[in-house]
Amino acid sequence: MRARADVLEPLIATALTAGRAILEIAAGDVGATFKSDRSPVTLADARAEAIILAELALDFPGVPVVAEEAVAAGHMPATLGRHFFLVDPLDGTREFLSGNGEYTVNIALIEAGSPIAGVVLAPALGEIFAGRVGEGARAGRIAEDGAIDWRPIGVRATAPEVPLVLASRSHCGAETEVFLERLGRHERIAAGSSLKFARLAEGAADLYPRLGRTMEWDSAAGEAVLRAAGGAVVGIDGHPLAYGRRDRGFAHPWFLAYGDPAIGARALATIGPIAAATSG
């Protein structure tokens, strides 16, 4: 596949269609069950993924798609190639079930192991974020009639003296608590799903440490938007994350997402001893 110039528009349209289906299901019986790893799954996850897979097949025929629920069911492309899509149809299922609205639809295009374009939709909040690396990022408010009021976004290039750090609302473990204690003065806010990447991308926060297990489909769209907005995502070794890692079951190592490189360097210096102690 050649990375087509209009890749974001069909991804935005697909995410919006999936988002509407999620909201319809949220108004009734969501049919919650549990997967083998004890993570929750609902009718909304399945319905949104089916919509996304069908639309991607029409818009990008032949391009492989790695989608969360399909992988959980043992279905994935035989080969990935240079380009493929990563899909999380409902990121933040716990947020969806709690009714706090902090869940997202994530669709990302991967090129040579790196997210280059992505869409993050928060249907319950009426917010959408889209970006393509090298071309910029934007955020939109969705009106009741479906119209989107877009604005360009960018990271906060210089973090304040007391940076705003985002912590996972549902997956904040002991390592993260130790990291935040050692980071120094900061303000902390809890947030769910890939909205953490979006808040960094729009300059509303400075750092998101993820010191726990996460999957490629959880982060790909958010990373694409953040990088398009001028930010970065790195592993605790300081190197970019690699996508398409079948050998790791599409799981990520610990990582840091940030806008200002200075806060990224401060976070890397802080996390080093914690990682060493954990691995030792």
Protein backbone atom coordinates (compact mmCIF):
# COMPACT_ATOMS: atom_id res chain seq x y z
CA MET A 1 0.00 0.00 0.00
CA ARG A 2 1.09 3.54 -0.68
CA ALA A 3 0.26 5.81 2.27
CA ARG A 4 -2.53 7.72 0.54
CA ALA A 5 -2.81 11.44 1.12
CA ASP A 6 -6.43 11.32 2.31
CA VAL A 7 -5.97 8.50 4.80
CA LEU A 8 -7.40 10.44 7.76
CA GLU A 9 -10.79 11.26 6.26
CA PRO A 10 -11.98 7.66 5.86
CA LEU A 11 -10.57 6.81 9.30
CA ILE A 12 -12.50 9.71 10.84
CA ALA A 13 -15.72 8.63 9.11
CA THR A 14 -15.25 5.04 10.24
CA ALA A 15 -14.56 6.04 13.85
CA LEU A 16 -17.67 8.22 13.91
CA THR A 17 -19.84 5.36 12.63
CA ALA A 18 -18.43 3.02 15.27
CA GLY A 19 -18.92 5.69 17.93
CA ARG A 20 -22.59 6.08 17.10
CA ALA A 21 -23.07 2.33 17.45
CA ILE A 22 -21.37 2.38 20.85
CA LEU A 23 -23.65 5.16 22.08
CA GLU A 24 -26.72 3.23 20.93
CA ILE A 25 -25.62 0.16 22.88
CA ALA A 26 -24.70 2.26 25.92
CA ALA A 27 -28.32 3.34 26.16
CA GLY A 28 -29.47 -0.26 26.72
CA ASP A 29 -28.11 -3.63 27.82
CA VAL A 30 -24.35 -3.55 27.15
CA GLY A 31 -24.00 -7.32 27.53
CA ALA A 32 -20.82 -7.27 29.60
CA THR A 33 -18.79 -10.48 29.92
CA PHE A 34 -15.15 -11.27 30.69
CA LYS A 35 -12.35 -12.50 28.45
CA SER A 36 -9.81 -15.13 29.46
CA ASP A 37 -7.54 -12.46 30.96
CA ARG A 38 -10.48 -11.25 33.10
CA SER A 39 -10.72 -7.95 31.24
CA PRO A 40 -14.30 -6.90 30.46
CA VAL A 41 -15.81 -6.95 26.98
CA THR A 42 -19.24 -5.77 25.85
CA LEU A 43 -21.58 -5.84 22.90
CA ALA A 44 -20.24 -2.37 22.08
CA ASP A 45 -16.69 -3.70 21.64
CA ALA A 46 -17.90 -6.36 19.21
CA ARG A 47 -20.25 -4.13 17.25
CA ALA A 48 -17.75 -1.29 16.88
CA GLU A 49 -15.00 -3.65 15.76
CA ALA A 50 -17.24 -5.27 13.16
CA ILE A 51 -18.05 -1.83 11.72
CA ILE A 52 -14.42 -0.76 11.65
CA LEU A 53 -13.22 -3.98 10.01
CA ALA A 54 -15.89 -3.75 7.32
CA GLU A 55 -15.14 -0.10 6.56
CA LEU A 56 -11.38 -0.57 6.45
CA ALA A 57 -11.81 -3.48 4.05
CA LEU A 58 -13.78 -1.19 1.72
CA ASP A 59 -11.51 1.84 1.98
CA PHE A 60 -8.16 0.05 2.11
CA PRO A 61 -8.58 -3.33 0.41
CA GLY A 62 -5.79 -5.77 1.10
CA VAL A 63 -4.25 -3.84 4.00
CA PRO A 64 -3.93 -6.09 7.07
CA VAL A 65 -5.78 -5.13 10.26
CA VAL A 66 -4.83 -6.15 13.79
CA ALA A 67 -7.90 -5.61 15.98
CA GLU A 68 -8.20 -6.29 19.71
CA GLU A 69 -11.25 -8.54 19.81
CA ALA A 70 -10.20 -10.48 16.70
CA VAL A 71 -6.81 -11.19 18.27
CA ALA A 72 -8.52 -12.25 21.52
CA ALA A 73 -10.53 -14.74 19.44
CA GLY A 74 -7.36 -16.06 17.79
CA HIS A 75 -7.78 -14.27 14.47
CA MET A 76 -5.02 -12.13 13.01
CA PRO A 77 -3.46 -11.52 9.60
CA ALA A 78 -0.98 -14.14 8.37
CA THR A 79 1.48 -11.37 7.54
CA LEU A 80 1.55 -7.66 8.28
CA GLY A 81 3.87 -6.08 5.74
CA ARG A 82 5.05 -2.47 5.69
CA HIS A 83 1.57 -1.03 6.27
CA PHE A 84 -1.17 -2.32 8.53
CA PHE A 85 -3.90 -0.96 10.81
CA LEU A 86 -4.19 -1.30 14.58
CA VAL A 87 -7.71 -1.06 16.00
CA ASP A 88 -9.08 -0.81 19.50
CA PRO A 89 -12.84 -0.51 19.00
CA LEU A 90 -13.52 0.52 22.60
CA ASP A 91 -10.50 1.52 24.65
CA GLY A 92 -11.40 1.93 28.29
CA THR A 93 -14.15 -0.65 28.64
CA ARG A 94 -14.08 -0.13 32.41
CA GLU A 95 -14.78 3.57 31.82
CA PHE A 96 -17.59 2.62 29.46
CA LEU A 97 -19.14 0.38 32.09
CA SER A 98 -18.74 3.00 34.83
CA GLY A 99 -20.49 5.61 32.69
CA ASN A 100 -17.80 8.29 33.09
CA GLY A 101 -17.45 8.76 29.31
CA GLU A 102 -13.66 8.43 29.22
CA TYR A 103 -13.54 5.71 26.59
CA THR A 104 -12.38 5.95 23.01
CA VAL A 105 -12.41 4.44 19.55
CA ASN A 106 -8.84 4.09 18.26
CA ILE A 107 -7.74 3.50 14.66
CA ALA A 108 -4.12 3.86 13.55
CA LEU A 109 -2.12 3.28 10.39
CA ILE A 110 1.32 1.74 10.96
CA GLU A 111 4.19 2.16 8.54
CA ALA A 112 7.44 0.25 9.01
CA GLY A 113 6.65 -0.41 12.66
CA SER A 114 5.65 3.16 13.58
CA PRO A 115 2.23 4.86 13.85
CA ILE A 116 2.00 7.53 11.16
CA ALA A 117 -1.71 8.44 11.23
CA GLY A 118 -4.44 8.00 13.78
CA VAL A 119 -7.87 8.92 15.03
CA VAL A 120 -9.01 8.95 18.65
CA LEU A 121 -12.74 9.45 19.19
CA ALA A 122 -14.42 9.93 22.57
CA PRO A 123 -18.08 9.49 21.51
CA ALA A 124 -19.64 10.13 24.92
CA LEU A 125 -17.68 13.38 25.28
CA GLY A 126 -18.26 14.56 21.72
CA GLU A 127 -14.52 14.94 21.13
CA ILE A 128 -12.35 13.69 18.29
CA PHE A 129 -8.61 13.93 17.62
CA ALA A 130 -6.79 13.17 14.38
CA GLY A 131 -3.25 13.51 13.16
CA ARG A 132 -0.70 12.43 10.61
CA VAL A 133 2.98 12.61 11.45
CA GLY A 134 4.65 15.40 9.53
CA GLU A 135 1.36 17.08 8.69
CA GLY A 136 0.01 18.15 12.10
CA ALA A 137 -2.84 17.27 14.41
CA ARG A 138 -6.33 18.62 15.06
CA ALA A 139 -9.11 18.29 17.57
CA GLY A 140 -12.83 18.62 17.00
CA ARG A 141 -16.04 19.12 18.91
CA ILE A 142 -18.93 17.10 17.53
CA ALA A 143 -22.28 18.89 17.36
CA GLU A 144 -25.64 17.17 17.79
CA ASP A 145 -26.14 17.22 14.02
CA GLY A 146 -22.77 15.48 13.51
CA ALA A 147 -20.89 18.56 12.27
CA ILE A 148 -17.34 18.86 13.59
CA ASP A 149 -15.72 22.13 14.60
CA TRP A 150 -12.01 21.45 14.04
CA ARG A 151 -9.03 23.34 15.44
CA PRO A 152 -5.29 22.72 15.06
CA ILE A 153 -3.54 21.45 18.18
CA GLY A 154 0.03 21.16 19.42
CA VAL A 155 1.83 20.04 22.54
CA ARG A 156 2.91 22.39 25.29
CA ALA A 157 6.50 22.77 24.10
CA THR A 158 7.77 24.06 27.44
CA ALA A 159 6.42 22.33 30.51
CA PRO A 160 5.65 24.58 33.50
CA GLU A 161 7.71 24.41 36.68
CA VAL A 162 5.04 22.12 38.13
CA PRO A 163 4.13 19.83 35.22
CA LEU A 164 0.74 18.18 34.84
CA VAL A 165 1.13 14.41 34.85
CA LEU A 166 -1.59 12.07 33.62
CA ALA A 167 -2.06 8.75 35.39
CA SER A 168 -4.26 5.88 34.31
CA ARG A 169 -7.62 5.92 36.04
CA SER A 170 -8.01 2.12 36.02
CA HIS A 171 -4.44 0.79 35.71
CA CYS A 172 -2.19 2.71 38.09
CA GLY A 173 0.15 0.31 39.87
CA ALA A 174 2.78 0.54 42.59
CA GLU A 175 5.58 1.34 40.13
CA THR A 176 3.71 4.39 38.90
CA GLU A 177 3.18 5.58 42.46
CA VAL A 178 6.90 5.26 43.19
CA PHE A 179 7.75 7.07 39.95
CA LEU A 180 5.45 9.99 40.73
CA GLU A 181 6.82 10.25 44.27
CA ARG A 182 10.37 10.48 42.91
CA LEU A 183 9.57 12.76 39.99
CA GLY A 184 9.41 15.84 42.19
CA ARG A 185 6.84 18.62 42.20
CA HIS A 186 3.98 17.95 39.82
CA GLU A 187 0.23 18.06 39.55
CA ARG A 188 -1.51 14.77 38.95
CA ILE A 189 -4.77 14.02 37.22
CA ALA A 190 -6.41 10.66 36.54
CA ALA A 191 -7.73 9.96 33.05
CA GLY A 192 -8.97 6.95 31.14
CA SER A 193 -8.14 5.34 27.81
CA SER A 194 -6.13 6.97 24.99
CA LEU A 195 -7.53 10.35 26.01
CA LYS A 196 -4.25 10.73 27.92
CA PHE A 197 -2.37 10.96 24.62
CA ALA A 198 -4.96 13.40 23.30
CA ARG A 199 -4.63 15.69 26.33
CA LEU A 200 -0.88 15.81 25.79
CA ALA A 201 -1.39 16.51 22.09
CA GLU A 202 -3.65 19.48 22.73
CA GLY A 203 -1.26 21.00 25.28
CA ALA A 204 -3.48 20.31 28.30
CA ALA A 205 -0.89 18.12 30.09
CA ASP A 206 2.83 17.39 30.00
CA LEU A 207 3.61 13.76 30.80
CA TYR A 208 1.98 10.33 30.76
CA PRO A 209 4.00 7.50 32.31
CA ARG A 210 2.78 4.00 31.56
CA LEU A 211 4.56 1.59 33.89
CA GLY A 212 2.55 -1.52 33.29
CA ARG A 213 1.31 -3.86 30.61
CA THR A 214 -0.43 -2.31 27.65
CA MET A 215 -1.15 -3.45 24.10
CA GLU A 216 -0.21 -1.93 20.77
CA TRP A 217 -3.82 -1.19 19.84
CA ASP A 218 -4.21 0.76 23.10
CA SER A 219 -1.54 3.29 22.16
CA ALA A 220 -1.08 3.38 18.37
CA ALA A 221 -3.74 5.96 17.47
CA GLY A 222 -2.91 8.13 20.46
CA GLU A 223 0.80 8.02 19.68
CA ALA A 224 0.15 9.01 16.05
CA VAL A 225 -1.89 12.03 17.16
CA LEU A 226 0.68 13.00 19.79
CA ARG A 227 3.63 12.74 17.44
CA ALA A 228 1.74 14.70 14.79
CA ALA A 229 1.21 17.40 17.43
CA GLY A 230 4.95 17.58 18.19
CA GLY A 231 5.21 15.16 21.10
CA ALA A 232 6.96 11.84 21.57
CA VAL A 233 6.49 8.36 22.97
CA VAL A 234 9.53 6.34 24.04
CA GLY A 235 10.32 3.21 25.95
CA ILE A 236 12.25 3.51 29.19
CA ASP A 237 15.42 3.00 27.14
CA GLY A 238 14.66 6.29 25.39
CA HIS A 239 13.98 4.65 22.03
CA PRO A 240 10.68 4.78 20.06
CA LEU A 241 8.22 1.94 20.55
CA ALA A 242 8.09 -0.72 17.85
CA TYR A 243 4.73 -1.91 16.52
CA GLY A 244 3.79 -5.20 14.92
CA ARG A 245 5.69 -7.30 17.44
CA ARG A 246 4.04 -10.70 17.17
CA ASP A 247 6.88 -12.15 19.22
CA ARG A 248 5.61 -10.13 22.20
CA GLY A 249 1.96 -10.87 21.51
CA PHE A 250 1.54 -7.19 20.52
CA ALA A 251 2.32 -6.16 24.10
CA HIS A 252 4.29 -3.01 24.90
CA PRO A 253 7.05 -2.50 27.46
CA TRP A 254 6.85 0.43 29.88
CA PHE A 255 6.81 3.78 28.12
CA LEU A 256 6.67 7.56 28.58
CA ALA A 257 4.63 10.00 26.49
CA TYR A 258 5.34 13.73 26.66
CA GLY A 259 5.39 17.05 24.87
CA ASP A 260 8.44 18.94 26.14
CA PRO A 261 11.71 16.95 25.63
CA ALA A 262 12.96 18.41 28.93
CA ILE A 263 10.19 16.75 30.94
CA GLY A 264 10.82 13.58 28.93
CA ALA A 265 14.50 13.61 29.95
CA ARG A 266 13.54 14.25 33.57
CA ALA A 267 11.12 11.33 33.49
CA LEU A 268 13.67 8.99 31.90
CA ALA A 269 16.22 9.88 34.59
CA THR A 270 13.61 9.18 37.26
CA ILE A 271 12.40 5.89 35.87
CA GLY A 272 15.82 4.31 35.36
CA PRO A 273 16.41 3.24 38.99
CA ILE A 274 12.81 2.03 39.33
CA ALA A 275 13.12 -0.15 36.24
CA ALA A 276 16.46 -1.52 37.43
CA ALA A 277 15.01 -2.40 40.82
CA THR A 278 12.00 -4.08 39.23
CA SER A 279 14.04 -6.16 36.78
CA GLY A 280 16.52 -7.08 39.51
